[in-house]
Amino acid sequence: MLTPVVGYAILDGRPLAAFWLAIAAGLTDILDGFLARHLGSSSSTGAYLDPIADKVLLSTIYVCLALHATIPWWFVAVVFGRDLLILAASGIALAFTRLRKFPPTVWGKLSTFLQIVAAVVWMGRDAFPTLTLDSIGHLLIWISAIATIWSGLHYAWRGTQMLRTN
């Protein structure tokens, strides 16, 4: 629910508000997952919607940061490209095969983690301007891009292996 507010704050040039709203969104997501697991109230719907909500928040942050000329568009294209590859391959597999489960890989989780860290650092750089965060942010863009490309290649390879065995 905070996604549009975070996006608006970035585009409106209020980096401190955007930073703290994104942190709040992340913390409520962690709390929600913790409570669902520990109170036994997790559901298949929640398990399905939670990663979608996470991806919508992260995608919104990246598009808004690029629109605000904070991060490069090529990086947004890498992130979206991998996600579109996964969605298209999953859709094709669902339509034409018996495959129904597409669990994330360690590389997918690592690239998503690095994307989150990069987004937080770039938002923090704008909220608390320092040369250190700027340098770390630029490094994280490259590390995250490489991990994202690698995970996309790994998902493609793994998908091909899954199709061969089914």
Protein backbone atom coordinates (compact mmCIF):
# COMPACT_ATOMS: atom_id res chain seq x y z
CA MET A 1 0.00 0.00 0.00
CA LEU A 2 2.98 2.31 0.47
CA THR A 3 4.30 1.75 -3.06
CA PRO A 4 2.53 4.70 -4.75
CA VAL A 5 3.48 6.99 -1.85
CA VAL A 6 7.15 5.96 -2.10
CA GLY A 7 7.10 6.53 -5.86
CA TYR A 8 5.44 9.92 -5.48
CA ALA A 9 7.97 11.00 -2.84
CA ILE A 10 10.87 10.09 -5.16
CA LEU A 11 9.36 11.92 -8.13
CA ASP A 12 8.40 14.89 -5.96
CA GLY A 13 12.03 15.34 -4.90
CA ARG A 14 11.52 14.28 -1.29
CA PRO A 15 14.26 11.67 -0.90
CA LEU A 16 14.18 11.56 2.92
CA ALA A 17 10.46 10.80 2.96
CA ALA A 18 10.89 8.23 0.16
CA PHE A 19 13.73 6.55 2.04
CA TRP A 20 11.83 6.21 5.33
CA LEU A 21 8.61 5.13 3.60
CA ALA A 22 10.51 2.41 1.71
CA ILE A 23 12.14 1.29 4.96
CA ALA A 24 8.70 1.17 6.61
CA ALA A 25 7.33 -0.88 3.70
CA GLY A 26 10.22 -3.32 4.02
CA LEU A 27 9.86 -3.63 7.77
CA THR A 28 6.11 -4.25 7.57
CA ASP A 29 6.78 -6.92 4.94
CA ILE A 30 9.30 -8.62 7.24
CA LEU A 31 6.91 -8.37 10.19
CA ASP A 32 4.03 -9.75 8.13
CA GLY A 33 6.11 -12.76 7.04
CA PHE A 34 7.37 -13.36 10.56
CA LEU A 35 3.88 -13.26 12.05
CA ALA A 36 2.42 -15.46 9.32
CA ARG A 37 5.07 -18.13 9.93
CA HIS A 38 5.06 -18.00 13.71
CA LEU A 39 1.31 -17.72 14.21
CA GLY A 40 0.55 -20.36 11.62
CA SER A 41 -1.54 -17.94 9.59
CA SER A 42 0.27 -18.24 6.28
CA SER A 43 -1.86 -18.93 3.24
CA SER A 44 -1.27 -19.96 -0.35
CA THR A 45 -2.74 -16.61 -1.44
CA GLY A 46 -0.32 -14.71 0.79
CA ALA A 47 2.59 -16.83 -0.42
CA TYR A 48 1.58 -15.97 -3.99
CA LEU A 49 0.90 -12.24 -3.47
CA ASP A 50 3.82 -11.37 -1.17
CA PRO A 51 6.60 -11.70 -3.77
CA ILE A 52 4.45 -9.86 -6.30
CA ALA A 53 3.99 -6.96 -3.87
CA ASP A 54 7.74 -6.96 -3.19
CA LYS A 55 8.50 -6.86 -6.92
CA VAL A 56 5.98 -4.05 -7.50
CA LEU A 57 7.60 -1.95 -4.75
CA LEU A 58 11.13 -2.57 -6.02
CA SER A 59 10.14 -1.95 -9.65
CA THR A 60 8.36 1.27 -8.72
CA ILE A 61 11.42 2.48 -6.83
CA TYR A 62 13.72 1.72 -9.76
CA VAL A 63 11.48 3.33 -12.39
CA CYS A 64 11.00 6.44 -10.24
CA LEU A 65 14.74 6.69 -9.48
CA ALA A 66 15.45 6.44 -13.22
CA LEU A 67 12.76 9.02 -14.04
CA HIS A 68 14.35 11.26 -11.42
CA ALA A 69 17.72 10.68 -13.21
CA THR A 70 19.22 9.08 -10.11
CA ILE A 71 20.05 5.66 -11.56
CA PRO A 72 20.72 4.68 -15.17
CA TRP A 73 17.94 3.34 -17.36
CA TRP A 74 20.13 0.48 -18.57
CA PHE A 75 20.08 -0.94 -15.04
CA VAL A 76 16.27 -0.74 -14.90
CA ALA A 77 16.22 -2.58 -18.25
CA VAL A 78 18.46 -5.34 -16.86
CA VAL A 79 16.22 -5.82 -13.81
CA PHE A 80 13.00 -5.76 -15.84
CA GLY A 81 14.53 -7.89 -18.60
CA ARG A 82 15.36 -10.72 -16.24
CA ASP A 83 11.91 -10.58 -14.65
CA LEU A 84 10.20 -10.58 -18.05
CA LEU A 85 12.32 -13.55 -19.14
CA ILE A 86 11.24 -15.48 -16.04
CA LEU A 87 7.57 -14.53 -16.49
CA ALA A 88 7.54 -15.40 -20.19
CA ALA A 89 9.29 -18.73 -19.68
CA SER A 90 6.98 -19.62 -16.79
CA GLY A 91 3.92 -18.69 -18.83
CA ILE A 92 5.06 -20.80 -21.76
CA ALA A 93 5.85 -23.73 -19.47
CA LEU A 94 2.43 -23.44 -17.78
CA ALA A 95 0.65 -23.31 -21.14
CA PHE A 96 2.48 -26.09 -22.94
CA THR A 97 3.93 -28.47 -20.32
CA ARG A 98 3.03 -30.19 -17.08
CA LEU A 99 5.46 -28.07 -15.06
CA ARG A 100 3.69 -26.17 -12.30
CA LYS A 101 6.40 -25.28 -9.80
CA PHE A 102 9.16 -22.80 -10.49
CA PRO A 103 10.99 -22.30 -7.20
CA PRO A 104 13.50 -19.46 -6.92
CA THR A 105 17.20 -20.29 -7.08
CA VAL A 106 19.97 -19.14 -4.81
CA TRP A 107 21.17 -16.89 -7.67
CA GLY A 108 17.70 -15.39 -8.06
CA LYS A 109 17.48 -14.70 -4.35
CA LEU A 110 20.99 -13.22 -4.31
CA SER A 111 20.27 -10.91 -7.25
CA THR A 112 17.00 -9.77 -5.68
CA PHE A 113 18.80 -9.12 -2.38
CA LEU A 114 21.47 -7.08 -4.19
CA GLN A 115 18.76 -5.15 -6.06
CA ILE A 116 17.11 -4.29 -2.73
CA VAL A 117 20.43 -3.22 -1.18
CA ALA A 118 21.24 -1.11 -4.24
CA ALA A 119 17.81 0.58 -4.09
CA VAL A 120 18.21 1.34 -0.37
CA VAL A 121 21.72 2.71 -0.88
CA TRP A 122 20.63 4.93 -3.80
CA MET A 123 17.64 6.20 -1.85
CA GLY A 124 19.89 6.75 1.17
CA ARG A 125 22.40 8.58 -1.03
CA ASP A 126 19.68 11.01 -2.05
CA ALA A 127 18.29 11.31 1.49
CA PHE A 128 21.69 11.67 3.17
CA PRO A 129 24.06 12.99 0.49
CA THR A 130 27.55 11.63 1.03
CA LEU A 131 30.40 10.75 -1.25
CA THR A 132 30.65 7.32 0.40
CA LEU A 133 27.06 6.32 -0.43
CA ASP A 134 27.52 7.62 -3.96
CA SER A 135 30.60 5.42 -4.47
CA ILE A 136 28.95 2.40 -2.87
CA GLY A 137 25.80 3.00 -4.94
CA HIS A 138 27.72 2.99 -8.22
CA LEU A 139 29.55 -0.18 -7.24
CA LEU A 140 26.29 -1.85 -6.20
CA ILE A 141 24.66 -1.02 -9.53
CA TRP A 142 27.37 -2.99 -11.33
CA ILE A 143 27.44 -5.88 -8.84
CA SER A 144 23.65 -6.09 -8.89
CA ALA A 145 23.52 -5.92 -12.70
CA ILE A 146 26.06 -8.75 -13.02
CA ALA A 147 24.21 -10.89 -10.45
CA THR A 148 20.88 -10.17 -12.18
CA ILE A 149 22.23 -11.13 -15.61
CA TRP A 150 23.83 -14.26 -14.16
CA SER A 151 20.61 -15.29 -12.40
CA GLY A 152 18.66 -14.73 -15.64
CA LEU A 153 21.07 -17.00 -17.50
CA HIS A 154 20.85 -19.55 -14.69
CA TYR A 155 17.04 -19.47 -14.75
CA ALA A 156 17.13 -20.01 -18.53
CA TRP A 157 19.52 -22.94 -18.15
CA ARG A 158 17.51 -24.44 -15.30
CA GLY A 159 14.26 -24.02 -17.23
CA THR A 160 15.77 -25.83 -20.19
CA GLN A 161 16.89 -28.66 -17.88
CA MET A 162 13.40 -28.88 -16.34
CA LEU A 163 11.79 -29.08 -19.78
CA ARG A 164 14.16 -31.86 -20.84
CA THR A 165 13.28 -34.02 -17.83
CA ASN A 166 9.50 -33.59 -18.17
